[in-house]
Amino acid sequence: MRTIFNRLRKLGAIKEAERFEPALRRTCLGRLAAMSSFLVIILCLAAWVIVFLSMQNSGAEQYISGSILPQVLCIAFFGGLVVVILVGALLGNLLRRVLWRILTRKGK
């Protein structure tokens, strides 16, 4: 349990952009790497909205009664948004770390 706590503490303390030289952070690639989490979250949100709209138009009225359909769609939409934001943040952070590793290797 102590190792898990130490690892989580170390993960929270890592600020990758501050470890690197300011010149690298100011480049176009450095800025893209820094905002990759945001871009991935936005892409995941757009994909979820498209998927939800296509699911809504697929004929869900046949399987769910008309009186509870709006509630079910509301819960599905906002629940999906939360899940998509979490997944997008995890994927974006992973992408950002990979990009920073690539950038620092090429700089050396």
PDB file of N, CA and C in Angstrom:
ATOM      1  N   MET A   1       0.822  -1.190   0.000  1.00  0.00           N
ATOM      2  CA  MET A   1       0.000   0.000   0.000  1.00  0.00           C
ATOM      3  C   MET A   1       0.869   1.259   0.000  1.00  0.00           C
ATOM      4  N   ARG A   2       1.976   1.186   0.696  1.00  0.00           N
ATOM      5  CA  ARG A   2       2.871   2.338   0.766  1.00  0.00           C
ATOM      6  C   ARG A   2       3.479   2.648  -0.599  1.00  0.00           C
ATOM      7  N   THR A   3       3.825   1.605  -1.359  1.00  0.00           N
ATOM      8  CA  THR A   3       4.388   1.832  -2.692  1.00  0.00           C
ATOM      9  C   THR A   3       3.381   2.495  -3.611  1.00  0.00           C
ATOM     10  N   ILE A   4       2.128   2.100  -3.517  1.00  0.00           N
ATOM     11  CA  ILE A   4       1.098   2.722  -4.351  1.00  0.00           C
ATOM     12  C   ILE A   4       0.977   4.199  -4.003  1.00  0.00           C
ATOM     13  N   PHE A   5       0.996   4.506  -2.697  1.00  0.00           N
ATOM     14  CA  PHE A   5       0.895   5.898  -2.284  1.00  0.00           C
ATOM     15  C   PHE A   5       2.096   6.706  -2.788  1.00  0.00           C
ATOM     16  N   ASN A   6       3.280   6.139  -2.695  1.00  0.00           N
ATOM     17  CA  ASN A   6       4.479   6.842  -3.169  1.00  0.00           C
ATOM     18  C   ASN A   6       4.441   7.063  -4.677  1.00  0.00           C
ATOM     19  N   ARG A   7       3.981   6.069  -5.397  1.00  0.00           N
ATOM     20  CA  ARG A   7       3.895   6.225  -6.853  1.00  0.00           C
ATOM     21  C   ARG A   7       2.873   7.283  -7.248  1.00  0.00           C
ATOM     22  N   LEU A   8       1.731   7.286  -6.588  1.00  0.00           N
ATOM     23  CA  LEU A   8       0.727   8.308  -6.880  1.00  0.00           C
ATOM     24  C   LEU A   8       1.240   9.699  -6.529  1.00  0.00           C
ATOM     25  N   ARG A   9       1.971   9.809  -5.429  1.00  0.00           N
ATOM     26  CA  ARG A   9       2.528  11.098  -5.039  1.00  0.00           C
ATOM     27  C   ARG A   9       3.539  11.579  -6.076  1.00  0.00           C
ATOM     28  N   LYS A  10       4.378  10.665  -6.568  1.00  0.00           N
ATOM     29  CA  LYS A  10       5.364  11.031  -7.574  1.00  0.00           C
ATOM     30  C   LYS A  10       4.694  11.436  -8.886  1.00  0.00           C
ATOM     31  N   LEU A  11       3.625  10.719  -9.269  1.00  0.00           N
ATOM     32  CA  LEU A  11       2.923  11.078 -10.500  1.00  0.00           C
ATOM     33  C   LEU A  11       2.324  12.471 -10.416  1.00  0.00           C
ATOM     34  N   GLY A  12       1.805  12.840  -9.275  1.00  0.00           N
ATOM     35  CA  GLY A  12       1.241  14.173  -9.111  1.00  0.00           C
ATOM     36  C   GLY A  12       2.294  15.254  -9.104  1.00  0.00           C
ATOM     37  N   ALA A  13       3.506  14.913  -8.716  1.00  0.00           N
ATOM     38  CA  ALA A  13       4.573  15.905  -8.624  1.00  0.00           C
ATOM     39  C   ALA A  13       5.277  16.130  -9.952  1.00  0.00           C
ATOM     40  N   ILE A  14       5.050  15.263 -10.909  1.00  0.00           N
ATOM     41  CA  ILE A  14       5.746  15.390 -12.190  1.00  0.00           C
ATOM     42  C   ILE A  14       5.111  16.506 -13.002  1.00  0.00           C
ATOM     43  N   LYS A  15       5.912  17.441 -13.367  1.00  0.00           N
ATOM     44  CA  LYS A  15       5.474  18.490 -14.277  1.00  0.00           C
ATOM     45  C   LYS A  15       6.465  18.472 -15.428  1.00  0.00           C
ATOM     46  N   GLU A  16       6.111  17.732 -16.447  1.00  0.00           N
ATOM     47  CA  GLU A  16       7.057  17.464 -17.519  1.00  0.00           C
ATOM     48  C   GLU A  16       7.538  18.712 -18.228  1.00  0.00           C
ATOM     49  N   ALA A  17       6.649  19.638 -18.477  1.00  0.00           N
ATOM     50  CA  ALA A  17       7.033  20.814 -19.232  1.00  0.00           C
ATOM     51  C   ALA A  17       8.050  21.654 -18.473  1.00  0.00           C
ATOM     52  N   GLU A  18       8.016  21.637 -17.160  1.00  0.00           N
ATOM     53  CA  GLU A  18       8.957  22.429 -16.387  1.00  0.00           C
ATOM     54  C   GLU A  18      10.329  21.791 -16.324  1.00  0.00           C
ATOM     55  N   ARG A  19      10.406  20.498 -16.560  1.00  0.00           N
ATOM     56  CA  ARG A  19      11.706  19.828 -16.516  1.00  0.00           C
ATOM     57  C   ARG A  19      12.555  20.157 -17.729  1.00  0.00           C
ATOM     58  N   PHE A  20      11.939  20.538 -18.801  1.00  0.00           N
ATOM     59  CA  PHE A  20      12.675  20.739 -20.030  1.00  0.00           C
ATOM     60  C   PHE A  20      13.066  22.191 -20.186  1.00  0.00           C
ATOM     61  N   GLU A  21      14.029  22.397 -21.011  1.00  0.00           N
ATOM     62  CA  GLU A  21      14.528  23.750 -21.214  1.00  0.00           C
ATOM     63  C   GLU A  21      13.444  24.638 -21.827  1.00  0.00           C
ATOM     64  N   PRO A  22      13.445  25.904 -21.473  1.00  0.00           N
ATOM     65  CA  PRO A  22      12.404  26.816 -21.967  1.00  0.00           C
ATOM     66  C   PRO A  22      12.388  26.935 -23.492  1.00  0.00           C
ATOM     67  N   ALA A  23      13.533  26.785 -24.127  1.00  0.00           N
ATOM     68  CA  ALA A  23      13.566  26.894 -25.592  1.00  0.00           C
ATOM     69  C   ALA A  23      12.739  25.799 -26.245  1.00  0.00           C
ATOM     70  N   LEU A  24      12.784  24.603 -25.686  1.00  0.00           N
ATOM     71  CA  LEU A  24      12.006  23.494 -26.227  1.00  0.00           C
ATOM     72  C   LEU A  24      10.520  23.701 -25.987  1.00  0.00           C
ATOM     73  N   ARG A  25      10.164  24.265 -24.851  1.00  0.00           N
ATOM     74  CA  ARG A  25       8.757  24.510 -24.552  1.00  0.00           C
ATOM     75  C   ARG A  25       8.163  25.579 -25.456  1.00  0.00           C
ATOM     76  N   ARG A  26       8.977  26.488 -25.945  1.00  0.00           N
ATOM     77  CA  ARG A  26       8.468  27.586 -26.779  1.00  0.00           C
ATOM     78  C   ARG A  26       8.345  27.215 -28.256  1.00  0.00           C
ATOM     79  N   THR A  27       8.884  26.084 -28.639  1.00  0.00           N
ATOM     80  CA  THR A  27       8.769  25.683 -30.037  1.00  0.00           C
ATOM     81  C   THR A  27       7.347  25.239 -30.338  1.00  0.00           C
ATOM     82  N   CYS A  28       7.047  25.154 -31.618  1.00  0.00           N
ATOM     83  CA  CYS A  28       5.710  24.724 -32.036  1.00  0.00           C
ATOM     84  C   CYS A  28       5.437  23.292 -31.576  1.00  0.00           C
ATOM     85  N   LEU A  29       6.417  22.414 -31.712  1.00  0.00           N
ATOM     86  CA  LEU A  29       6.236  21.022 -31.290  1.00  0.00           C
ATOM     87  C   LEU A  29       6.078  20.919 -29.777  1.00  0.00           C
ATOM     88  N   GLY A  30       6.803  21.737 -29.037  1.00  0.00           N
ATOM     89  CA  GLY A  30       6.673  21.731 -27.590  1.00  0.00           C
ATOM     90  C   GLY A  30       5.290  22.186 -27.151  1.00  0.00           C
ATOM     91  N   ARG A  31       4.771  23.202 -27.815  1.00  0.00           N
ATOM     92  CA  ARG A  31       3.427  23.681 -27.472  1.00  0.00           C
ATOM     93  C   ARG A  31       2.360  22.670 -27.864  1.00  0.00           C
ATOM     94  N   LEU A  32       2.537  22.004 -29.004  1.00  0.00           N
ATOM     95  CA  LEU A  32       1.586  20.960 -29.396  1.00  0.00           C
ATOM     96  C   LEU A  32       1.616  19.793 -28.418  1.00  0.00           C
ATOM     97  N   ALA A  33       2.810  19.435 -27.960  1.00  0.00           N
ATOM     98  CA  ALA A  33       2.921  18.355 -26.983  1.00  0.00           C
ATOM     99  C   ALA A  33       2.252  18.750 -25.671  1.00  0.00           C
ATOM    100  N   ALA A  34       2.389  20.004 -25.279  1.00  0.00           N
ATOM    101  CA  ALA A  34       1.798  20.462 -24.028  1.00  0.00           C
ATOM    102  C   ALA A  34       0.277  20.480 -24.093  1.00  0.00           C
ATOM    103  N   MET A  35      -0.283  20.778 -25.250  1.00  0.00           N
ATOM    104  CA  MET A  35      -1.742  20.842 -25.343  1.00  0.00           C
ATOM    105  C   MET A  35      -2.363  19.587 -25.946  1.00  0.00           C
ATOM    106  N   SER A  36      -1.602  18.519 -26.044  1.00  0.00           N
ATOM    107  CA  SER A  36      -2.125  17.283 -26.625  1.00  0.00           C
ATOM    108  C   SER A  36      -3.262  16.693 -25.796  1.00  0.00           C
ATOM    109  N   SER A  37      -3.207  16.822 -24.474  1.00  0.00           N
ATOM    110  CA  SER A  37      -4.301  16.305 -23.635  1.00  0.00           C
ATOM    111  C   SER A  37      -5.606  16.999 -23.978  1.00  0.00           C
ATOM    112  N   PHE A  38      -5.560  18.306 -24.092  1.00  0.00           N
ATOM    113  CA  PHE A  38      -6.753  19.073 -24.428  1.00  0.00           C
ATOM    114  C   PHE A  38      -7.301  18.672 -25.795  1.00  0.00           C
ATOM    115  N   LEU A  39      -6.420  18.528 -26.776  1.00  0.00           N
ATOM    116  CA  LEU A  39      -6.861  18.162 -28.122  1.00  0.00           C
ATOM    117  C   LEU A  39      -7.503  16.780 -28.155  1.00  0.00           C
ATOM    118  N   VAL A  40      -6.930  15.834 -27.423  1.00  0.00           N
ATOM    119  CA  VAL A  40      -7.496  14.479 -27.405  1.00  0.00           C
ATOM    120  C   VAL A  40      -8.865  14.485 -26.722  1.00  0.00           C
ATOM    121  N   ILE A  41      -9.016  15.259 -25.645  1.00  0.00           N
ATOM    122  CA  ILE A  41     -10.315  15.347 -24.972  1.00  0.00           C
ATOM    123  C   ILE A  41     -11.357  15.941 -25.915  1.00  0.00           C
ATOM    124  N   ILE A  42     -11.003  16.991 -26.643  1.00  0.00           N
ATOM    125  CA  ILE A  42     -11.937  17.613 -27.580  1.00  0.00           C
ATOM    126  C   ILE A  42     -12.319  16.633 -28.687  1.00  0.00           C
ATOM    127  N   LEU A  43     -11.349  15.893 -29.208  1.00  0.00           N
ATOM    128  CA  LEU A  43     -11.644  14.896 -30.246  1.00  0.00           C
ATOM    129  C   LEU A  43     -12.552  13.791 -29.710  1.00  0.00           C
ATOM    130  N   CYS A  44     -12.314  13.342 -28.484  1.00  0.00           N
ATOM    131  CA  CYS A  44     -13.165  12.305 -27.888  1.00  0.00           C
ATOM    132  C   CYS A  44     -14.582  12.826 -27.658  1.00  0.00           C
ATOM    133  N   LEU A  45     -14.707  14.076 -27.224  1.00  0.00           N
ATOM    134  CA  LEU A  45     -16.037  14.655 -27.029  1.00  0.00           C
ATOM    135  C   LEU A  45     -16.791  14.760 -28.350  1.00  0.00           C
ATOM    136  N   ALA A  46     -16.108  15.184 -29.396  1.00  0.00           N
ATOM    137  CA  ALA A  46     -16.750  15.274 -30.708  1.00  0.00           C
ATOM    138  C   ALA A  46     -17.180  13.889 -31.192  1.00  0.00           C
ATOM    139  N   ALA A  47     -16.327  12.905 -30.976  1.00  0.00           N
ATOM    140  CA  ALA A  47     -16.682  11.539 -31.385  1.00  0.00           C
ATOM    141  C   ALA A  47     -17.886  11.039 -30.596  1.00  0.00           C
ATOM    142  N   TRP A  48     -17.953  11.355 -29.288  1.00  0.00           N
ATOM    143  CA  TRP A  48     -19.093  10.911 -28.482  1.00  0.00           C
ATOM    144  C   TRP A  48     -20.384  11.565 -28.947  1.00  0.00           C
ATOM    145  N   VAL A  49     -20.339  12.840 -29.258  1.00  0.00           N
ATOM    146  CA  VAL A  49     -21.551  13.516 -29.723  1.00  0.00           C
ATOM    147  C   VAL A  49     -22.035  12.890 -31.031  1.00  0.00           C
ATOM    148  N   ILE A  50     -21.120  12.592 -31.933  1.00  0.00           N
ATOM    149  CA  ILE A  50     -21.493  11.966 -33.208  1.00  0.00           C
ATOM    150  C   ILE A  50     -22.085  10.579 -32.966  1.00  0.00           C
ATOM    151  N   VAL A  51     -21.446   9.796 -32.100  1.00  0.00           N
ATOM    152  CA  VAL A  51     -21.954   8.454 -31.800  1.00  0.00           C
ATOM    153  C   VAL A  51     -23.326   8.541 -31.133  1.00  0.00           C
ATOM    154  N   PHE A  52     -23.492   9.480 -30.188  1.00  0.00           N
ATOM    155  CA  PHE A  52     -24.771   9.605 -29.493  1.00  0.00           C
ATOM    156  C   PHE A  52     -25.879  10.020 -30.454  1.00  0.00           C
ATOM    157  N   LEU A  53     -25.595  10.958 -31.339  1.00  0.00           N
ATOM    158  CA  LEU A  53     -26.622  11.380 -32.297  1.00  0.00           C
ATOM    159  C   LEU A  53     -27.000  10.256 -33.244  1.00  0.00           C
ATOM    160  N   SER A  54     -26.022   9.454 -33.643  1.00  0.00           N
ATOM    161  CA  SER A  54     -26.349   8.327 -34.521  1.00  0.00           C
ATOM    162  C   SER A  54     -27.126   7.251 -33.760  1.00  0.00           C
ATOM    163  N   MET A  55     -26.828   7.064 -32.467  1.00  0.00           N
ATOM    164  CA  MET A  55     -27.596   6.101 -31.665  1.00  0.00           C
ATOM    165  C   MET A  55     -29.015   6.607 -31.444  1.00  0.00           C
ATOM    166  N   GLN A  56     -29.171   7.899 -31.265  1.00  0.00           N
ATOM    167  CA  GLN A  56     -30.491   8.478 -31.029  1.00  0.00           C
ATOM    168  C   GLN A  56     -31.378   8.335 -32.269  1.00  0.00           C
ATOM    169  N   ASN A  57     -30.787   8.455 -33.433  1.00  0.00           N
ATOM    170  CA  ASN A  57     -31.541   8.347 -34.676  1.00  0.00           C
ATOM    171  C   ASN A  57     -31.713   6.904 -35.144  1.00  0.00           C
ATOM    172  N   SER A  58     -31.163   5.950 -34.393  1.00  0.00           N
ATOM    173  CA  SER A  58     -31.217   4.559 -34.837  1.00  0.00           C
ATOM    174  C   SER A  58     -32.527   3.864 -34.492  1.00  0.00           C
ATOM    175  N   GLY A  59     -33.389   4.524 -33.761  1.00  0.00           N
ATOM    176  CA  GLY A  59     -34.679   3.926 -33.454  1.00  0.00           C
ATOM    177  C   GLY A  59     -34.765   3.337 -32.068  1.00  0.00           C
ATOM    178  N   ALA A  60     -34.253   4.056 -31.082  1.00  0.00           N
ATOM    179  CA  ALA A  60     -34.298   3.556 -29.702  1.00  0.00           C
ATOM    180  C   ALA A  60     -35.727   3.540 -29.168  1.00  0.00           C
ATOM    181  N   GLU A  61     -36.639   4.247 -29.821  1.00  0.00           N
ATOM    182  CA  GLU A  61     -38.030   4.284 -29.358  1.00  0.00           C
ATOM    183  C   GLU A  61     -38.682   2.907 -29.406  1.00  0.00           C
ATOM    184  N   GLN A  62     -38.175   2.014 -30.253  1.00  0.00           N
ATOM    185  CA  GLN A  62     -38.746   0.677 -30.374  1.00  0.00           C
ATOM    186  C   GLN A  62     -38.472  -0.174 -29.137  1.00  0.00           C
ATOM    187  N   TYR A  63     -37.350   0.078 -28.461  1.00  0.00           N
ATOM    188  CA  TYR A  63     -36.932  -0.768 -27.350  1.00  0.00           C
ATOM    189  C   TYR A  63     -37.238  -0.171 -25.980  1.00  0.00           C
ATOM    190  N   ILE A  64     -37.386   1.146 -25.908  1.00  0.00           N
ATOM    191  CA  ILE A  64     -37.632   1.822 -24.627  1.00  0.00           C
ATOM    192  C   ILE A  64     -38.976   2.520 -24.728  1.00  0.00           C
ATOM    193  N   SER A  65     -39.758   2.439 -23.659  1.00  0.00           N
ATOM    194  CA  SER A  65     -41.075   3.079 -23.708  1.00  0.00           C
ATOM    195  C   SER A  65     -40.924   4.592 -23.819  1.00  0.00           C
ATOM    196  N   GLY A  66     -41.885   5.211 -24.452  1.00  0.00           N
ATOM    197  CA  GLY A  66     -41.816   6.636 -24.756  1.00  0.00           C
ATOM    198  C   GLY A  66     -41.784   7.544 -23.544  1.00  0.00           C
ATOM    199  N   SER A  67     -42.334   7.096 -22.407  1.00  0.00           N
ATOM    200  CA  SER A  67     -42.385   7.978 -21.243  1.00  0.00           C
ATOM    201  C   SER A  67     -41.041   8.129 -20.550  1.00  0.00           C
ATOM    202  N   ILE A  68     -40.192   7.099 -20.605  1.00  0.00           N
ATOM    203  CA  ILE A  68     -38.893   7.203 -19.938  1.00  0.00           C
ATOM    204  C   ILE A  68     -37.742   7.428 -20.913  1.00  0.00           C
ATOM    205  N   LEU A  69     -38.041   7.491 -22.188  1.00  0.00           N
ATOM    206  CA  LEU A  69     -36.989   7.659 -23.194  1.00  0.00           C
ATOM    207  C   LEU A  69     -36.168   8.927 -22.984  1.00  0.00           C
ATOM    208  N   PRO A  70     -36.751  10.092 -22.717  1.00  0.00           N
ATOM    209  CA  PRO A  70     -35.924  11.289 -22.512  1.00  0.00           C
ATOM    210  C   PRO A  70     -34.979  11.164 -21.313  1.00  0.00           C
ATOM    211  N   GLN A  71     -35.440  10.538 -20.241  1.00  0.00           N
ATOM    212  CA  GLN A  71     -34.582  10.369 -19.069  1.00  0.00           C
ATOM    213  C   GLN A  71     -33.416   9.434 -19.371  1.00  0.00           C
ATOM    214  N   VAL A  72     -33.706   8.354 -20.070  1.00  0.00           N
ATOM    215  CA  VAL A  72     -32.655   7.393 -20.411  1.00  0.00           C
ATOM    216  C   VAL A  72     -31.634   8.043 -21.337  1.00  0.00           C
ATOM    217  N   LEU A  73     -32.098   8.802 -22.316  1.00  0.00           N
ATOM    218  CA  LEU A  73     -31.174   9.482 -23.224  1.00  0.00           C
ATOM    219  C   LEU A  73     -30.330  10.522 -22.499  1.00  0.00           C
ATOM    220  N   CYS A  74     -30.922  11.227 -21.556  1.00  0.00           N
ATOM    221  CA  CYS A  74     -30.188  12.229 -20.783  1.00  0.00           C
ATOM    222  C   CYS A  74     -29.093  11.578 -19.946  1.00  0.00           C
ATOM    223  N   ILE A  75     -29.444  10.502 -19.258  1.00  0.00           N
ATOM    224  CA  ILE A  75     -28.458   9.791 -18.438  1.00  0.00           C
ATOM    225  C   ILE A  75     -27.358   9.207 -19.319  1.00  0.00           C
ATOM    226  N   ALA A  76     -27.739   8.637 -20.457  1.00  0.00           N
ATOM    227  CA  ALA A  76     -26.740   8.060 -21.362  1.00  0.00           C
ATOM    228  C   ALA A  76     -25.818   9.139 -21.912  1.00  0.00           C
ATOM    229  N   PHE A  77     -26.368  10.281 -22.254  1.00  0.00           N
ATOM    230  CA  PHE A  77     -25.541  11.345 -22.832  1.00  0.00           C
ATOM    231  C   PHE A  77     -24.543  11.889 -21.819  1.00  0.00           C
ATOM    232  N   PHE A  78     -25.027  12.278 -20.644  1.00  0.00           N
ATOM    233  CA  PHE A  78     -24.131  12.880 -19.663  1.00  0.00           C
ATOM    234  C   PHE A  78     -23.212  11.853 -19.011  1.00  0.00           C
ATOM    235  N   GLY A  79     -23.680  10.643 -18.825  1.00  0.00           N
ATOM    236  CA  GLY A  79     -22.801   9.581 -18.346  1.00  0.00           C
ATOM    237  C   GLY A  79     -21.702   9.273 -19.342  1.00  0.00           C
ATOM    238  N   GLY A  80     -22.072   9.251 -20.610  1.00  0.00           N
ATOM    239  CA  GLY A  80     -21.072   9.044 -21.662  1.00  0.00           C
ATOM    240  C   GLY A  80     -20.079  10.176 -21.730  1.00  0.00           C
ATOM    241  N   LEU A  81     -20.537  11.402 -21.509  1.00  0.00           N
ATOM    242  CA  LEU A  81     -19.619  12.543 -21.510  1.00  0.00           C
ATOM    243  C   LEU A  81     -18.565  12.412 -20.417  1.00  0.00           C
ATOM    244  N   VAL A  82     -18.993  12.004 -19.240  1.00  0.00           N
ATOM    245  CA  VAL A  82     -18.040  11.841 -18.138  1.00  0.00           C
ATOM    246  C   VAL A  82     -17.015  10.761 -18.471  1.00  0.00           C
ATOM    247  N   VAL A  83     -17.489   9.638 -18.973  1.00  0.00           N
ATOM    248  CA  VAL A  83     -16.584   8.542 -19.332  1.00  0.00           C
ATOM    249  C   VAL A  83     -15.634   8.967 -20.439  1.00  0.00           C
ATOM    250  N   VAL A  84     -16.148   9.660 -21.446  1.00  0.00           N
ATOM    251  CA  VAL A  84     -15.311  10.085 -22.567  1.00  0.00           C
ATOM    252  C   VAL A  84     -14.265  11.099 -22.118  1.00  0.00           C
ATOM    253  N   ILE A  85     -14.623  12.000 -21.214  1.00  0.00           N
ATOM    254  CA  ILE A  85     -13.652  12.970 -20.720  1.00  0.00           C
ATOM    255  C   ILE A  85     -12.535  12.262 -19.954  1.00  0.00           C
ATOM    256  N   LEU A  86     -12.885  11.290 -19.118  1.00  0.00           N
ATOM    257  CA  LEU A  86     -11.865  10.550 -18.374  1.00  0.00           C
ATOM    258  C   LEU A  86     -10.949   9.761 -19.307  1.00  0.00           C
ATOM    259  N   VAL A  87     -11.539   9.067 -20.264  1.00  0.00           N
ATOM    260  CA  VAL A  87     -10.733   8.286 -21.215  1.00  0.00           C
ATOM    261  C   VAL A  87      -9.866   9.216 -22.068  1.00  0.00           C
ATOM    262  N   GLY A  88     -10.437  10.328 -22.526  1.00  0.00           N
ATOM    263  CA  GLY A  88      -9.673  11.284 -23.315  1.00  0.00           C
ATOM    264  C   GLY A  88      -8.521  11.886 -22.533  1.00  0.00           C
ATOM    265  N   ALA A  89      -8.733  12.171 -21.251  1.00  0.00           N
ATOM    266  CA  ALA A  89      -7.657  12.723 -20.427  1.00  0.00           C
ATOM    267  C   ALA A  89      -6.532  11.710 -20.246  1.00  0.00           C
ATOM    268  N   LEU A  90      -6.902  10.457 -20.017  1.00  0.00           N
ATOM    269  CA  LEU A  90      -5.875   9.425 -19.866  1.00  0.00           C
ATOM    270  C   LEU A  90      -5.082   9.234 -21.159  1.00  0.00           C
ATOM    271  N   LEU A  91      -5.788   9.160 -22.279  1.00  0.00           N
ATOM    272  CA  LEU A  91      -5.096   9.003 -23.564  1.00  0.00           C
ATOM    273  C   LEU A  91      -4.264  10.227 -23.905  1.00  0.00           C
ATOM    274  N   GLY A  92      -4.786  11.408 -23.617  1.00  0.00           N
ATOM    275  CA  GLY A  92      -4.045  12.639 -23.884  1.00  0.00           C
ATOM    276  C   GLY A  92      -2.781  12.745 -23.056  1.00  0.00           C
ATOM    277  N   ASN A  93      -2.866  12.367 -21.781  1.00  0.00           N
ATOM    278  CA  ASN A  93      -1.674  12.395 -20.934  1.00  0.00           C
ATOM    279  C   ASN A  93      -0.634  11.392 -21.409  1.00  0.00           C
ATOM    280  N   LEU A  94      -1.087  10.228 -21.827  1.00  0.00           N
ATOM    281  CA  LEU A  94      -0.163   9.236 -22.367  1.00  0.00           C
ATOM    282  C   LEU A  94       0.513   9.764 -23.630  1.00  0.00           C
ATOM    283  N   LEU A  95      -0.267  10.365 -24.507  1.00  0.00           N
ATOM    284  CA  LEU A  95       0.294  10.934 -25.739  1.00  0.00           C
ATOM    285  C   LEU A  95       1.280  12.051 -25.424  1.00  0.00           C
ATOM    286  N   ARG A  96       0.939  12.912 -24.460  1.00  0.00           N
ATOM    287  CA  ARG A  96       1.830  14.003 -24.088  1.00  0.00           C
ATOM    288  C   ARG A  96       3.160  13.486 -23.573  1.00  0.00           C
ATOM    289  N   ARG A  97       3.117  12.464 -22.732  1.00  0.00           N
ATOM    290  CA  ARG A  97       4.364  11.891 -22.205  1.00  0.00           C
ATOM    291  C   ARG A  97       5.219  11.300 -23.319  1.00  0.00           C
ATOM    292  N   VAL A  98       4.577  10.612 -24.236  1.00  0.00           N
ATOM    293  CA  VAL A  98       5.320  10.025 -25.362  1.00  0.00           C
ATOM    294  C   VAL A  98       5.938  11.127 -26.220  1.00  0.00           C
ATOM    295  N   LEU A  99       5.172  12.175 -26.500  1.00  0.00           N
ATOM    296  CA  LEU A  99       5.705  13.276 -27.309  1.00  0.00           C
ATOM    297  C   LEU A  99       6.872  13.964 -26.620  1.00  0.00           C
ATOM    298  N   TRP A 100       6.773  14.188 -25.304  1.00  0.00           N
ATOM    299  CA  TRP A 100       7.889  14.822 -24.597  1.00  0.00           C
ATOM    300  C   TRP A 100       9.124  13.938 -24.609  1.00  0.00           C
ATOM    301  N   ARG A 101       8.939  12.624 -24.487  1.00  0.00           N
ATOM    302  CA  ARG A 101      10.088  11.719 -24.553  1.00  0.00           C
ATOM    303  C   ARG A 101      10.740  11.798 -25.933  1.00  0.00           C
ATOM    304  N   ILE A 102       9.930  11.819 -26.974  1.00  0.00           N
ATOM    305  CA  ILE A 102      10.469  11.910 -28.337  1.00  0.00           C
ATOM    306  C   ILE A 102      11.213  13.226 -28.522  1.00  0.00           C
ATOM    307  N   LEU A 103      10.612  14.317 -28.060  1.00  0.00           N
ATOM    308  CA  LEU A 103      11.252  15.630 -28.218  1.00  0.00           C
ATOM    309  C   LEU A 103      12.550  15.742 -27.447  1.00  0.00           C
ATOM    310  N   THR A 104      12.596  15.175 -26.263  1.00  0.00           N
ATOM    311  CA  THR A 104      13.833  15.274 -25.489  1.00  0.00           C
ATOM    312  C   THR A 104      14.923  14.372 -26.047  1.00  0.00           C
ATOM    313  N   ARG A 105      14.571  13.260 -26.619  1.00  0.00           N
ATOM    314  CA  ARG A 105      15.573  12.394 -27.230  1.00  0.00           C
ATOM    315  C   ARG A 105      16.181  13.051 -28.459  1.00  0.00           C
ATOM    316  N   LYS A 106      15.352  13.723 -29.247  1.00  0.00           N
ATOM    317  CA  LYS A 106      15.871  14.365 -30.453  1.00  0.00           C
ATOM    318  C   LYS A 106      16.713  15.589 -30.108  1.00  0.00           C
ATOM    319  N   GLY A 107      16.441  16.191 -28.963  1.00  0.00           N
ATOM    320  CA  GLY A 107      17.188  17.383 -28.558  1.00  0.00           C
ATOM    321  C   GLY A 107      18.562  17.044 -28.036  1.00  0.00           C
ATOM    322  N   LYS A 108      18.786  15.804 -27.610  1.00  0.00           N
ATOM    323  CA  LYS A 108      20.087  15.434 -27.016  1.00  0.00           C
ATOM    324  C   LYS A 108      21.084  15.034 -28.053  1.00  0.00           C
TER     325      LYS A 108
END
